[in-house]
Amino acid sequence: MPGLANQITEIVTREMKLNIRGLNFSSRGDGTMY
């Protein structure tokens, strides 16, 4: 769904105040994202 990766990065950077070192999200084509 749109924005899911953005919500995850918001939690990591804004809520938890952690540094992201790598990020990789992709759609499987069956309605799920990994």
PDB file of all heavy atoms in Angstrom:
ATOM      1  N   MET A   1       0.842  -1.194   0.000  1.00  0.00           N
ATOM      2  CA  MET A   1       0.000   0.000   0.000  1.00  0.00           C
ATOM      3  C   MET A   1       0.878   1.245   0.000  1.00  0.00           C
ATOM      4  O   MET A   1       1.982   1.225   0.541  1.00  0.00           O
ATOM      5  CB  MET A   1      -0.946   0.004   1.198  1.00  0.00           C
ATOM      6  CG  MET A   1      -0.289  -0.272   2.526  1.00  0.00           C
ATOM      7  SD  MET A   1      -1.461  -0.600   3.826  1.00  0.00           S
ATOM      8  CE  MET A   1      -1.581   0.998   4.584  1.00  0.00           C
ATOM      9  N   PRO A   2       0.403   2.300  -0.642  1.00  0.00           N
ATOM     10  CA  PRO A   2       1.200   3.520  -0.721  1.00  0.00           C
ATOM     11  C   PRO A   2       1.552   4.049   0.676  1.00  0.00           C
ATOM     12  O   PRO A   2       0.726   4.049   1.582  1.00  0.00           O
ATOM     13  CB  PRO A   2       0.293   4.510  -1.452  1.00  0.00           C
ATOM     14  CG  PRO A   2      -0.729   3.672  -2.147  1.00  0.00           C
ATOM     15  CD  PRO A   2      -0.881   2.437  -1.322  1.00  0.00           C
ATOM     16  N   GLY A   3       2.792   4.466   0.822  1.00  0.00           N
ATOM     17  CA  GLY A   3       3.204   5.113   2.057  1.00  0.00           C
ATOM     18  C   GLY A   3       3.699   4.194   3.166  1.00  0.00           C
ATOM     19  O   GLY A   3       4.157   4.683   4.199  1.00  0.00           O
ATOM     20  N   LEU A   4       3.621   2.885   2.975  1.00  0.00           N
ATOM     21  CA  LEU A   4       4.034   1.980   4.056  1.00  0.00           C
ATOM     22  C   LEU A   4       5.526   2.121   4.358  1.00  0.00           C
ATOM     23  O   LEU A   4       5.924   2.220   5.519  1.00  0.00           O
ATOM     24  CB  LEU A   4       3.689   0.531   3.713  1.00  0.00           C
ATOM     25  CG  LEU A   4       3.914  -0.479   4.829  1.00  0.00           C
ATOM     26  CD1 LEU A   4       3.070  -0.136   6.052  1.00  0.00           C
ATOM     27  CD2 LEU A   4       3.585  -1.885   4.358  1.00  0.00           C
ATOM     28  N   ALA A   5       6.351   2.158   3.323  1.00  0.00           N
ATOM     29  CA  ALA A   5       7.791   2.334   3.532  1.00  0.00           C
ATOM     30  C   ALA A   5       8.076   3.679   4.187  1.00  0.00           C
ATOM     31  O   ALA A   5       8.955   3.787   5.055  1.00  0.00           O
ATOM     32  CB  ALA A   5       8.544   2.198   2.216  1.00  0.00           C
ATOM     33  N   ASN A   6       7.323   4.702   3.799  1.00  0.00           N
ATOM     34  CA  ASN A   6       7.507   6.029   4.414  1.00  0.00           C
ATOM     35  C   ASN A   6       7.174   6.002   5.901  1.00  0.00           C
ATOM     36  O   ASN A   6       7.873   6.622   6.710  1.00  0.00           O
ATOM     37  CB  ASN A   6       6.635   7.080   3.719  1.00  0.00           C
ATOM     38  CG  ASN A   6       7.117   7.402   2.327  1.00  0.00           C
ATOM     39  OD1 ASN A   6       8.264   7.135   1.992  1.00  0.00           O
ATOM     40  ND2 ASN A   6       6.238   7.962   1.519  1.00  0.00           N
ATOM     41  N   GLN A   7       6.116   5.294   6.273  1.00  0.00           N
ATOM     42  CA  GLN A   7       5.742   5.200   7.682  1.00  0.00           C
ATOM     43  C   GLN A   7       6.833   4.489   8.489  1.00  0.00           C
ATOM     44  O   GLN A   7       7.127   4.879   9.616  1.00  0.00           O
ATOM     45  CB  GLN A   7       4.413   4.463   7.833  1.00  0.00           C
ATOM     46  CG  GLN A   7       3.219   5.239   7.329  1.00  0.00           C
ATOM     47  CD  GLN A   7       1.950   4.432   7.487  1.00  0.00           C
ATOM     48  OE1 GLN A   7       1.653   3.948   8.576  1.00  0.00           O
ATOM     49  NE2 GLN A   7       1.213   4.267   6.402  1.00  0.00           N
ATOM     50  N   ILE A   8       7.417   3.461   7.900  1.00  0.00           N
ATOM     51  CA  ILE A   8       8.486   2.732   8.583  1.00  0.00           C
ATOM     52  C   ILE A   8       9.684   3.645   8.794  1.00  0.00           C
ATOM     53  O   ILE A   8      10.243   3.705   9.894  1.00  0.00           O
ATOM     54  CB  ILE A   8       8.862   1.461   7.795  1.00  0.00           C
ATOM     55  CG1 ILE A   8       7.693   0.462   7.833  1.00  0.00           C
ATOM     56  CG2 ILE A   8      10.136   0.830   8.351  1.00  0.00           C
ATOM     57  CD1 ILE A   8       7.834  -0.702   6.884  1.00  0.00           C
ATOM     58  N   THR A   9      10.086   4.375   7.754  1.00  0.00           N
ATOM     59  CA  THR A   9      11.239   5.273   7.903  1.00  0.00           C
ATOM     60  C   THR A   9      10.953   6.404   8.883  1.00  0.00           C
ATOM     61  O   THR A   9      11.853   6.850   9.589  1.00  0.00           O
ATOM     62  CB  THR A   9      11.697   5.841   6.548  1.00  0.00           C
ATOM     63  OG1 THR A   9      10.614   6.526   5.928  1.00  0.00           O
ATOM     64  CG2 THR A   9      12.199   4.737   5.640  1.00  0.00           C
ATOM     65  N   GLU A  10       9.707   6.848   8.955  1.00  0.00           N
ATOM     66  CA  GLU A  10       9.327   7.883   9.938  1.00  0.00           C
ATOM     67  C   GLU A  10       9.544   7.372  11.362  1.00  0.00           C
ATOM     68  O   GLU A  10      10.059   8.085  12.221  1.00  0.00           O
ATOM     69  CB  GLU A  10       7.859   8.285   9.759  1.00  0.00           C
ATOM     70  CG  GLU A  10       7.583   9.099   8.530  1.00  0.00           C
ATOM     71  CD  GLU A  10       7.958  10.555   8.710  1.00  0.00           C
ATOM     72  OE1 GLU A  10       7.735  11.102   9.797  1.00  0.00           O
ATOM     73  OE2 GLU A  10       8.497  11.126   7.747  1.00  0.00           O
ATOM     74  N   ILE A  11       9.132   6.142  11.611  1.00  0.00           N
ATOM     75  CA  ILE A  11       9.317   5.566  12.950  1.00  0.00           C
ATOM     76  C   ILE A  11      10.801   5.465  13.280  1.00  0.00           C
ATOM     77  O   ILE A  11      11.240   5.808  14.374  1.00  0.00           O
ATOM     78  CB  ILE A  11       8.622   4.196  13.064  1.00  0.00           C
ATOM     79  CG1 ILE A  11       7.118   4.409  13.197  1.00  0.00           C
ATOM     80  CG2 ILE A  11       9.152   3.396  14.243  1.00  0.00           C
ATOM     81  CD1 ILE A  11       6.300   3.160  13.288  1.00  0.00           C
ATOM     82  N   VAL A  12      11.578   4.985  12.317  1.00  0.00           N
ATOM     83  CA  VAL A  12      13.008   4.804  12.562  1.00  0.00           C
ATOM     84  C   VAL A  12      13.694   6.138  12.825  1.00  0.00           C
ATOM     85  O   VAL A  12      14.419   6.283  13.814  1.00  0.00           O
ATOM     86  CB  VAL A  12      13.681   4.082  11.364  1.00  0.00           C
ATOM     87  CG1 VAL A  12      15.191   4.042  11.532  1.00  0.00           C
ATOM     88  CG2 VAL A  12      13.127   2.680  11.213  1.00  0.00           C
ATOM     89  N   THR A  13      13.468   7.114  11.958  1.00  0.00           N
ATOM     90  CA  THR A  13      14.217   8.365  12.047  1.00  0.00           C
ATOM     91  C   THR A  13      13.629   9.379  13.015  1.00  0.00           C
ATOM     92  O   THR A  13      14.365  10.011  13.767  1.00  0.00           O
ATOM     93  CB  THR A  13      14.365   9.019  10.662  1.00  0.00           C
ATOM     94  OG1 THR A  13      13.064   9.250  10.102  1.00  0.00           O
ATOM     95  CG2 THR A  13      15.178   8.136   9.740  1.00  0.00           C
ATOM     96  N   ARG A  14      12.320   9.546  13.008  1.00  0.00           N
ATOM     97  CA  ARG A  14      11.721  10.592  13.852  1.00  0.00           C
ATOM     98  C   ARG A  14      11.360  10.108  15.248  1.00  0.00           C
ATOM     99  O   ARG A  14      11.672  10.739  16.247  1.00  0.00           O
ATOM    100  CB  ARG A  14      10.495  11.181  13.167  1.00  0.00           C
ATOM    101  CG  ARG A  14      10.875  11.987  11.956  1.00  0.00           C
ATOM    102  CD  ARG A  14       9.888  13.077  11.684  1.00  0.00           C
ATOM    103  NE  ARG A  14      10.391  13.893  10.588  1.00  0.00           N
ATOM    104  CZ  ARG A  14       9.663  14.286   9.577  1.00  0.00           C
ATOM    105  NH1 ARG A  14       8.391  13.938   9.511  1.00  0.00           N
ATOM    106  NH2 ARG A  14      10.185  15.018   8.632  1.00  0.00           N
ATOM    107  N   GLU A  15      10.656   8.954  15.314  1.00  0.00           N
ATOM    108  CA  GLU A  15      10.210   8.464  16.613  1.00  0.00           C
ATOM    109  C   GLU A  15      11.358   7.855  17.418  1.00  0.00           C
ATOM    110  O   GLU A  15      11.550   8.169  18.581  1.00  0.00           O
ATOM    111  CB  GLU A  15       9.091   7.431  16.426  1.00  0.00           C
ATOM    112  CG  GLU A  15       8.489   6.931  17.721  1.00  0.00           C
ATOM    113  CD  GLU A  15       7.369   5.930  17.470  1.00  0.00           C
ATOM    114  OE1 GLU A  15       6.554   6.150  16.553  1.00  0.00           O
ATOM    115  OE2 GLU A  15       7.326   4.926  18.205  1.00  0.00           O
ATOM    116  N   MET A  16      12.132   6.975  16.775  1.00  0.00           N
ATOM    117  CA  MET A  16      13.211   6.281  17.471  1.00  0.00           C
ATOM    118  C   MET A  16      14.548   7.027  17.384  1.00  0.00           C
ATOM    119  O   MET A  16      15.487   6.697  18.097  1.00  0.00           O
ATOM    120  CB  MET A  16      13.391   4.861  16.906  1.00  0.00           C
ATOM    121  CG  MET A  16      12.150   3.989  16.957  1.00  0.00           C
ATOM    122  SD  MET A  16      11.723   3.370  18.578  1.00  0.00           S
ATOM    123  CE  MET A  16      13.105   2.357  18.976  1.00  0.00           C
ATOM    124  N   LYS A  17      14.642   8.001  16.460  1.00  0.00           N
ATOM    125  CA  LYS A  17      15.858   8.806  16.264  1.00  0.00           C
ATOM    126  C   LYS A  17      17.091   7.936  15.972  1.00  0.00           C
ATOM    127  O   LYS A  17      18.152   8.108  16.572  1.00  0.00           O
ATOM    128  CB  LYS A  17      16.096   9.717  17.457  1.00  0.00           C
ATOM    129  CG  LYS A  17      14.972  10.713  17.673  1.00  0.00           C
ATOM    130  CD  LYS A  17      15.275  11.667  18.778  1.00  0.00           C
ATOM    131  CE  LYS A  17      14.207  12.681  19.072  1.00  0.00           C
ATOM    132  NZ  LYS A  17      13.036  12.780  18.353  1.00  0.00           N
ATOM    133  N   LEU A  18      16.922   7.000  15.040  1.00  0.00           N
ATOM    134  CA  LEU A  18      18.001   6.107  14.642  1.00  0.00           C
ATOM    135  C   LEU A  18      18.471   6.460  13.239  1.00  0.00           C
ATOM    136  O   LEU A  18      17.720   7.049  12.458  1.00  0.00           O
ATOM    137  CB  LEU A  18      17.525   4.647  14.673  1.00  0.00           C
ATOM    138  CG  LEU A  18      17.047   4.123  16.022  1.00  0.00           C
ATOM    139  CD1 LEU A  18      16.420   2.744  15.863  1.00  0.00           C
ATOM    140  CD2 LEU A  18      18.190   4.082  17.020  1.00  0.00           C
ATOM    141  N   ASN A  19      19.687   6.078  12.917  1.00  0.00           N
ATOM    142  CA  ASN A  19      20.244   6.316  11.588  1.00  0.00           C
ATOM    143  C   ASN A  19      19.974   5.122  10.686  1.00  0.00           C
ATOM    144  O   ASN A  19      20.303   3.994  11.032  1.00  0.00           O
ATOM    145  CB  ASN A  19      21.758   6.533  11.671  1.00  0.00           C
ATOM    146  CG  ASN A  19      22.113   7.810  12.381  1.00  0.00           C
ATOM    147  OD1 ASN A  19      21.438   8.823  12.227  1.00  0.00           O
ATOM    148  ND2 ASN A  19      23.161   7.767  13.170  1.00  0.00           N
ATOM    149  N   ILE A  20      19.395   5.394   9.519  1.00  0.00           N
ATOM    150  CA  ILE A  20      19.174   4.347   8.520  1.00  0.00           C
ATOM    151  C   ILE A  20      20.459   4.190   7.721  1.00  0.00           C
ATOM    152  O   ILE A  20      21.012   5.160   7.225  1.00  0.00           O
ATOM    153  CB  ILE A  20      18.002   4.706   7.587  1.00  0.00           C
ATOM    154  CG1 ILE A  20      16.696   4.742   8.375  1.00  0.00           C
ATOM    155  CG2 ILE A  20      17.910   3.706   6.435  1.00  0.00           C
ATOM    156  CD1 ILE A  20      15.498   5.186   7.557  1.00  0.00           C
ATOM    157  N   ARG A  21      20.932   2.957   7.579  1.00  0.00           N
ATOM    158  CA  ARG A  21      22.153   2.670   6.823  1.00  0.00           C
ATOM    159  C   ARG A  21      21.844   1.990   5.494  1.00  0.00           C
ATOM    160  O   ARG A  21      22.679   1.951   4.618  1.00  0.00           O
ATOM    161  CB  ARG A  21      23.089   1.786   7.646  1.00  0.00           C
ATOM    162  CG  ARG A  21      23.425   2.342   9.000  1.00  0.00           C
ATOM    163  CD  ARG A  21      24.060   3.697   8.926  1.00  0.00           C
ATOM    164  NE  ARG A  21      25.459   3.530   8.620  1.00  0.00           N
ATOM    165  CZ  ARG A  21      26.261   4.498   8.248  1.00  0.00           C
ATOM    166  NH1 ARG A  21      25.807   5.713   8.135  1.00  0.00           N
ATOM    167  NH2 ARG A  21      27.512   4.271   7.974  1.00  0.00           N
ATOM    168  N   GLY A  22      20.648   1.473   5.355  1.00  0.00           N
ATOM    169  CA  GLY A  22      20.246   0.828   4.106  1.00  0.00           C
ATOM    170  C   GLY A  22      18.755   0.559   4.112  1.00  0.00           C
ATOM    171  O   GLY A  22      18.165   0.325   5.169  1.00  0.00           O
ATOM    172  N   LEU A  23      18.140   0.626   2.932  1.00  0.00           N
ATOM    173  CA  LEU A  23      16.697   0.464   2.827  1.00  0.00           C
ATOM    174  C   LEU A  23      16.394  -0.197   1.490  1.00  0.00           C
ATOM    175  O   LEU A  23      16.907   0.236   0.456  1.00  0.00           O
ATOM    176  CB  LEU A  23      16.037   1.836   2.919  1.00  0.00           C
ATOM    177  CG  LEU A  23      14.540   1.941   2.956  1.00  0.00           C
ATOM    178  CD1 LEU A  23      13.985   1.325   4.222  1.00  0.00           C
ATOM    179  CD2 LEU A  23      14.136   3.415   2.906  1.00  0.00           C
ATOM    180  N   ASN A  24      15.579  -1.247   1.487  1.00  0.00           N
ATOM    181  CA  ASN A  24      15.246  -1.939   0.248  1.00  0.00           C
ATOM    182  C   ASN A  24      13.841  -2.523   0.385  1.00  0.00           C
ATOM    183  O   ASN A  24      13.639  -3.477   1.130  1.00  0.00           O
ATOM    184  CB  ASN A  24      16.266  -3.044  -0.033  1.00  0.00           C
ATOM    185  CG  ASN A  24      15.987  -3.775  -1.324  1.00  0.00           C
ATOM    186  OD1 ASN A  24      15.204  -3.323  -2.147  1.00  0.00           O
ATOM    187  ND2 ASN A  24      16.621  -4.915  -1.502  1.00  0.00           N
ATOM    188  N   PHE A  25      12.881  -1.945  -0.321  1.00  0.00           N
ATOM    189  CA  PHE A  25      11.503  -2.439  -0.313  1.00  0.00           C
ATOM    190  C   PHE A  25      11.070  -2.717  -1.743  1.00  0.00           C
ATOM    191  O   PHE A  25      11.402  -1.964  -2.656  1.00  0.00           O
ATOM    192  CB  PHE A  25      10.548  -1.415   0.323  1.00  0.00           C
ATOM    193  CG  PHE A  25      10.666  -1.337   1.804  1.00  0.00           C
ATOM    194  CD1 PHE A  25      11.425  -0.341   2.399  1.00  0.00           C
ATOM    195  CD2 PHE A  25      10.031  -2.254   2.621  1.00  0.00           C
ATOM    196  CE1 PHE A  25      11.548  -0.267   3.776  1.00  0.00           C
ATOM    197  CE2 PHE A  25      10.149  -2.194   3.994  1.00  0.00           C
ATOM    198  CZ  PHE A  25      10.904  -1.193   4.570  1.00  0.00           C
ATOM    199  N   SER A  26      10.304  -3.785  -1.927  1.00  0.00           N
ATOM    200  CA  SER A  26       9.792  -4.089  -3.260  1.00  0.00           C
ATOM    201  C   SER A  26       8.453  -4.806  -3.149  1.00  0.00           C
ATOM    202  O   SER A  26       8.149  -5.441  -2.147  1.00  0.00           O
ATOM    203  CB  SER A  26      10.784  -4.941  -4.057  1.00  0.00           C
ATOM    204  OG  SER A  26      10.988  -6.172  -3.412  1.00  0.00           O
ATOM    205  N   SER A  27       7.679  -4.688  -4.223  1.00  0.00           N
ATOM    206  CA  SER A  27       6.375  -5.340  -4.306  1.00  0.00           C
ATOM    207  C   SER A  27       6.549  -6.727  -4.903  1.00  0.00           C
ATOM    208  O   SER A  27       7.347  -6.927  -5.812  1.00  0.00           O
ATOM    209  CB  SER A  27       5.445  -4.510  -5.187  1.00  0.00           C
ATOM    210  OG  SER A  27       4.242  -5.214  -5.387  1.00  0.00           O
ATOM    211  N   ARG A  28       5.802  -7.694  -4.373  1.00  0.00           N
ATOM    212  CA  ARG A  28       5.859  -9.055  -4.911  1.00  0.00           C
ATOM    213  C   ARG A  28       4.858  -9.258  -6.041  1.00  0.00           C
ATOM    214  O   ARG A  28       4.848 -10.291  -6.677  1.00  0.00           O
ATOM    215  CB  ARG A  28       5.577 -10.059  -3.804  1.00  0.00           C
ATOM    216  CG  ARG A  28       6.683 -10.120  -2.783  1.00  0.00           C
ATOM    217  CD  ARG A  28       6.443 -11.247  -1.829  1.00  0.00           C
ATOM    218  NE  ARG A  28       7.571 -11.368  -0.904  1.00  0.00           N
ATOM    219  CZ  ARG A  28       7.524 -12.035   0.203  1.00  0.00           C
ATOM    220  NH1 ARG A  28       6.426 -12.676   0.554  1.00  0.00           N
ATOM    221  NH2 ARG A  28       8.565 -12.103   0.990  1.00  0.00           N
ATOM    222  N   GLY A  29       3.980  -8.305  -6.256  1.00  0.00           N
ATOM    223  CA  GLY A  29       2.985  -8.428  -7.314  1.00  0.00           C
ATOM    224  C   GLY A  29       1.725  -9.148  -6.888  1.00  0.00           C
ATOM    225  O   GLY A  29       0.784  -9.260  -7.654  1.00  0.00           O
ATOM    226  N   ASP A  30       1.699  -9.663  -5.675  1.00  0.00           N
ATOM    227  CA  ASP A  30       0.512 -10.372  -5.189  1.00  0.00           C
ATOM    228  C   ASP A  30      -0.191  -9.593  -4.077  1.00  0.00           C
ATOM    229  O   ASP A  30      -0.955 -10.151  -3.305  1.00  0.00           O
ATOM    230  CB  ASP A  30       0.891 -11.771  -4.689  1.00  0.00           C
ATOM    231  CG  ASP A  30       1.850 -11.727  -3.503  1.00  0.00           C
ATOM    232  OD1 ASP A  30       2.304 -10.626  -3.142  1.00  0.00           O
ATOM    233  OD2 ASP A  30       2.132 -12.795  -2.937  1.00  0.00           O
ATOM    234  N   GLY A  31       0.116  -8.297  -4.002  1.00  0.00           N
ATOM    235  CA  GLY A  31      -0.504  -7.468  -2.974  1.00  0.00           C
ATOM    236  C   GLY A  31       0.317  -7.362  -1.706  1.00  0.00           C
ATOM    237  O   GLY A  31      -0.130  -6.748  -0.738  1.00  0.00           O
ATOM    238  N   THR A  32       1.491  -7.985  -1.682  1.00  0.00           N
ATOM    239  CA  THR A  32       2.350  -7.874  -0.507  1.00  0.00           C
ATOM    240  C   THR A  32       3.652  -7.161  -0.865  1.00  0.00           C
ATOM    241  O   THR A  32       4.101  -7.162  -2.007  1.00  0.00           O
ATOM    242  CB  THR A  32       2.699  -9.258   0.091  1.00  0.00           C
ATOM    243  OG1 THR A  32       3.365 -10.038  -0.895  1.00  0.00           O
ATOM    244  CG2 THR A  32       1.462  -9.975   0.583  1.00  0.00           C
ATOM    245  N   MET A  33       4.216  -6.555   0.134  1.00  0.00           N
ATOM    246  CA  MET A  33       5.467  -5.837   0.012  1.00  0.00           C
ATOM    247  C   MET A  33       6.462  -6.482   0.964  1.00  0.00           C
ATOM    248  O   MET A  33       6.099  -6.919   2.057  1.00  0.00           O
ATOM    249  CB  MET A  33       5.232  -4.369   0.400  1.00  0.00           C
ATOM    250  CG  MET A  33       6.439  -3.458   0.344  1.00  0.00           C
ATOM    251  SD  MET A  33       7.388  -3.277   1.873  1.00  0.00           S
ATOM    252  CE  MET A  33       6.203  -2.953   3.122  1.00  0.00           C
ATOM    253  N   TYR A  34       7.711  -6.583   0.528  1.00  0.00           N
ATOM    254  CA  TYR A  34       8.764  -7.141   1.360  1.00  0.00           C
ATOM    255  C   TYR A  34       9.933  -6.181   1.322  1.00  0.00           C
ATOM    256  O   TYR A  34      10.224  -5.575   0.295  1.00  0.00           O
ATOM    257  CB  TYR A  34       9.203  -8.512   0.846  1.00  0.00           C
ATOM    258  CG  TYR A  34      10.383  -9.062   1.601  1.00  0.00           C
ATOM    259  CD1 TYR A  34      10.210  -9.681   2.833  1.00  0.00           C
ATOM    260  CD2 TYR A  34      11.669  -8.925   1.117  1.00  0.00           C
ATOM    261  CE1 TYR A  34      11.294 -10.172   3.544  1.00  0.00           C
ATOM    262  CE2 TYR A  34      12.758  -9.415   1.821  1.00  0.00           C
ATOM    263  CZ  TYR A  34      12.563 -10.029   3.038  1.00  0.00           C
ATOM    264  OH  TYR A  34      13.642 -10.495   3.746  1.00  0.00           O
TER     265      TYR A  34
END
